[in-house]
Structures are given as C-alpha cells and as structure tokens.
Amino acid sequence: MSRRCELTGKGPMTGNNVSHANNKTKRRFLPNLNDVTLQSETLGRGVKLRISAAALRSVDHRGGLDAFLAKAKDEDLSPNALKVKKEIAKAQASA
C-alpha cells in the first residue's frame, strides 16, 4: 500500500531535521492519509478510498465525491478512483 492520496496524488516529500546546533539529517514528510468511505449520490453506494485530510476537506467543499471527481484531472487520480469517475460519468449520461 503506497503512501499516496488516491484523489490528489499527494505523496511523501523529503527534507531535513534541523537541530538546535543546525545539524541536518534527512527525513520524510508523509501525507496525512485516512481510510474513508465516501458516498456517491449518482451510484447510490459508498466508495472506499485512502485519501489525505486535505482532500477530504476539498471533497466536502466541492459538494461531494461526484462533483470532486467531475473536476479532477485524470492523471492525479489512482486507477481505483479513475474507475469510479468513469462509472459516475456513465451513470449520469444514461440518467
């Protein structure tokens, strides 16, 4: 399981721990990932995703999973999220 957000593509970053004596040692900044089940209004079911806390706020801000995925770029999405996006688009086109 990779440490990457399924909706935004956020992953680990690198940097330095800096001591009081200004010694620098390498470290990793990991994204704040959470396992969540988001409800899709179009599909009428929940979708399990591993997303960052910032992405969860963005989904809420845009008005739900369906609206978020409609605006999201395909290259940022995981294969799982991309599959859900296509299912939603197909369901909206037929309705």
C-alpha atoms as a PDB file:
ATOM      1  CA  MET A   1       0.000   0.000   0.000  1.00  0.00           C
ATOM      2  CA  SER A   2       1.635   3.194  -1.180  1.00  0.00           C
ATOM      3  CA  ARG A   3       1.629   6.398   0.845  1.00  0.00           C
ATOM      4  CA  ARG A   4      -0.175   8.351  -1.865  1.00  0.00           C
ATOM      5  CA  CYS A   5      -3.558  10.089  -1.820  1.00  0.00           C
ATOM      6  CA  GLU A   6      -5.962   8.457  -4.282  1.00  0.00           C
ATOM      7  CA  LEU A   7      -7.695  11.732  -5.192  1.00  0.00           C
ATOM      8  CA  THR A   8      -4.963  14.378  -5.226  1.00  0.00           C
ATOM      9  CA  GLY A   9      -1.829  12.296  -5.825  1.00  0.00           C
ATOM     10  CA  LYS A  10      -0.060  13.768  -2.784  1.00  0.00           C
ATOM     11  CA  GLY A  11       2.890  11.619  -1.730  1.00  0.00           C
ATOM     12  CA  PRO A  12       5.863  11.715   0.645  1.00  0.00           C
ATOM     13  CA  MET A  13       8.252  14.658   0.445  1.00  0.00           C
ATOM     14  CA  THR A  14      11.821  14.847   1.674  1.00  0.00           C
ATOM     15  CA  GLY A  15      13.536  17.424   3.811  1.00  0.00           C
ATOM     16  CA  ASN A  16      15.831  17.869   6.781  1.00  0.00           C
ATOM     17  CA  ASN A  17      15.539  17.618  10.540  1.00  0.00           C
ATOM     18  CA  VAL A  18      17.411  20.655  11.794  1.00  0.00           C
ATOM     19  CA  SER A  19      18.749  20.540  15.348  1.00  0.00           C
ATOM     20  CA  HIS A  20      19.402  23.490  17.637  1.00  0.00           C
ATOM     21  CA  ALA A  21      23.082  23.149  16.656  1.00  0.00           C
ATOM     22  CA  ASN A  22      21.975  23.397  12.988  1.00  0.00           C
ATOM     23  CA  ASN A  23      22.897  19.759  12.246  1.00  0.00           C
ATOM     24  CA  LYS A  24      20.864  18.456   9.314  1.00  0.00           C
ATOM     25  CA  THR A  25      19.676  14.874   8.866  1.00  0.00           C
ATOM     26  CA  LYS A  26      17.379  13.629   6.109  1.00  0.00           C
ATOM     27  CA  ARG A  27      13.726  12.920   6.889  1.00  0.00           C
ATOM     28  CA  ARG A  28      10.442  12.238   5.100  1.00  0.00           C
ATOM     29  CA  PHE A  29       7.267  14.278   5.392  1.00  0.00           C
ATOM     30  CA  LEU A  30       4.366  11.833   4.959  1.00  0.00           C
ATOM     31  CA  PRO A  31       0.867  12.880   3.857  1.00  0.00           C
ATOM     32  CA  ASN A  32      -1.921  12.622   6.443  1.00  0.00           C
ATOM     33  CA  LEU A  33      -3.769   9.652   4.891  1.00  0.00           C
ATOM     34  CA  ASN A  34      -7.077   8.266   6.134  1.00  0.00           C
ATOM     35  CA  ASP A  35      -9.175   5.303   5.011  1.00  0.00           C
ATOM     36  CA  VAL A  36     -12.640   6.690   4.322  1.00  0.00           C
ATOM     37  CA  THR A  37     -15.878   5.595   2.682  1.00  0.00           C
ATOM     38  CA  LEU A  38     -17.355   8.412   0.618  1.00  0.00           C
ATOM     39  CA  GLN A  39     -20.968   8.250  -0.553  1.00  0.00           C
ATOM     40  CA  SER A  40     -21.666   8.685  -4.260  1.00  0.00           C
ATOM     41  CA  GLU A  41     -25.110  10.178  -4.861  1.00  0.00           C
ATOM     42  CA  THR A  42     -25.154   9.086  -8.501  1.00  0.00           C
ATOM     43  CA  LEU A  43     -24.135   5.477  -7.836  1.00  0.00           C
ATOM     44  CA  GLY A  44     -26.132   5.249  -4.605  1.00  0.00           C
ATOM     45  CA  ARG A  45     -23.345   3.454  -2.743  1.00  0.00           C
ATOM     46  CA  GLY A  46     -20.191   4.061  -0.756  1.00  0.00           C
ATOM     47  CA  VAL A  47     -16.689   4.084  -2.240  1.00  0.00           C
ATOM     48  CA  LYS A  48     -13.692   3.174  -0.071  1.00  0.00           C
ATOM     49  CA  LEU A  49     -10.650   5.366  -0.693  1.00  0.00           C
ATOM     50  CA  ARG A  50      -7.357   6.215   1.032  1.00  0.00           C
ATOM     51  CA  ILE A  51      -7.158   9.992   0.891  1.00  0.00           C
ATOM     52  CA  SER A  52      -5.381  12.867   2.631  1.00  0.00           C
ATOM     53  CA  ALA A  53      -7.163  15.041   5.180  1.00  0.00           C
ATOM     54  CA  ALA A  54      -6.806  17.997   2.786  1.00  0.00           C
ATOM     55  CA  ALA A  55      -8.508  16.002   0.013  1.00  0.00           C
ATOM     56  CA  LEU A  56     -11.364  15.126   2.367  1.00  0.00           C
ATOM     57  CA  ARG A  57     -11.908  18.842   3.019  1.00  0.00           C
ATOM     58  CA  SER A  58     -11.752  19.538  -0.732  1.00  0.00           C
ATOM     59  CA  VAL A  59     -14.389  16.872  -1.444  1.00  0.00           C
ATOM     60  CA  ASP A  60     -16.644  18.418   1.205  1.00  0.00           C
ATOM     61  CA  HIS A  61     -16.021  21.930  -0.165  1.00  0.00           C
ATOM     62  CA  ARG A  62     -16.897  20.967  -3.746  1.00  0.00           C
ATOM     63  CA  GLY A  63     -20.154  19.339  -2.695  1.00  0.00           C
ATOM     64  CA  GLY A  64     -19.389  15.622  -2.561  1.00  0.00           C
ATOM     65  CA  LEU A  65     -17.446  12.901  -4.320  1.00  0.00           C
ATOM     66  CA  ASP A  66     -19.323  13.164  -7.631  1.00  0.00           C
ATOM     67  CA  ALA A  67     -18.609  16.894  -8.013  1.00  0.00           C
ATOM     68  CA  PHE A  68     -14.973  16.475  -6.947  1.00  0.00           C
ATOM     69  CA  LEU A  69     -14.283  13.682  -9.449  1.00  0.00           C
ATOM     70  CA  ALA A  70     -16.009  15.603 -12.266  1.00  0.00           C
ATOM     71  CA  LYS A  71     -13.465  18.432 -11.896  1.00  0.00           C
ATOM     72  CA  ALA A  72     -10.421  16.277 -11.003  1.00  0.00           C
ATOM     73  CA  LYS A  73      -7.642  15.682 -13.532  1.00  0.00           C
ATOM     74  CA  ASP A  74      -7.299  12.055 -14.609  1.00  0.00           C
ATOM     75  CA  GLU A  75      -3.515  11.996 -14.098  1.00  0.00           C
ATOM     76  CA  ASP A  76      -3.911  12.872 -10.385  1.00  0.00           C
ATOM     77  CA  LEU A  77      -6.377  10.045  -9.692  1.00  0.00           C
ATOM     78  CA  SER A  78      -5.475   6.479  -8.747  1.00  0.00           C
ATOM     79  CA  PRO A  79      -6.695   3.639 -11.001  1.00  0.00           C
ATOM     80  CA  ASN A  80      -9.424   2.871  -8.444  1.00  0.00           C
ATOM     81  CA  ALA A  81     -10.645   6.490  -8.327  1.00  0.00           C
ATOM     82  CA  LEU A  82     -10.490   6.724 -12.127  1.00  0.00           C
ATOM     83  CA  LYS A  83     -12.719   3.661 -12.405  1.00  0.00           C
ATOM     84  CA  VAL A  84     -15.252   5.251 -10.031  1.00  0.00           C
ATOM     85  CA  LYS A  85     -15.123   8.514 -12.036  1.00  0.00           C
ATOM     86  CA  LYS A  86     -15.961   6.645 -15.248  1.00  0.00           C
ATOM     87  CA  GLU A  87     -18.806   4.739 -13.521  1.00  0.00           C
ATOM     88  CA  ILE A  88     -20.297   8.041 -12.309  1.00  0.00           C
ATOM     89  CA  ALA A  89     -19.979   9.642 -15.761  1.00  0.00           C
ATOM     90  CA  LYS A  90     -21.663   6.623 -17.358  1.00  0.00           C
ATOM     91  CA  ALA A  91     -24.499   6.643 -14.816  1.00  0.00           C
ATOM     92  CA  GLN A  92     -25.068  10.395 -15.287  1.00  0.00           C
ATOM     93  CA  ALA A  93     -25.074  10.061 -19.079  1.00  0.00           C
ATOM     94  CA  SER A  94     -27.727   7.320 -19.018  1.00  0.00           C
ATOM     95  CA  ALA A  95     -29.924   9.125 -16.470  1.00  0.00           C
END
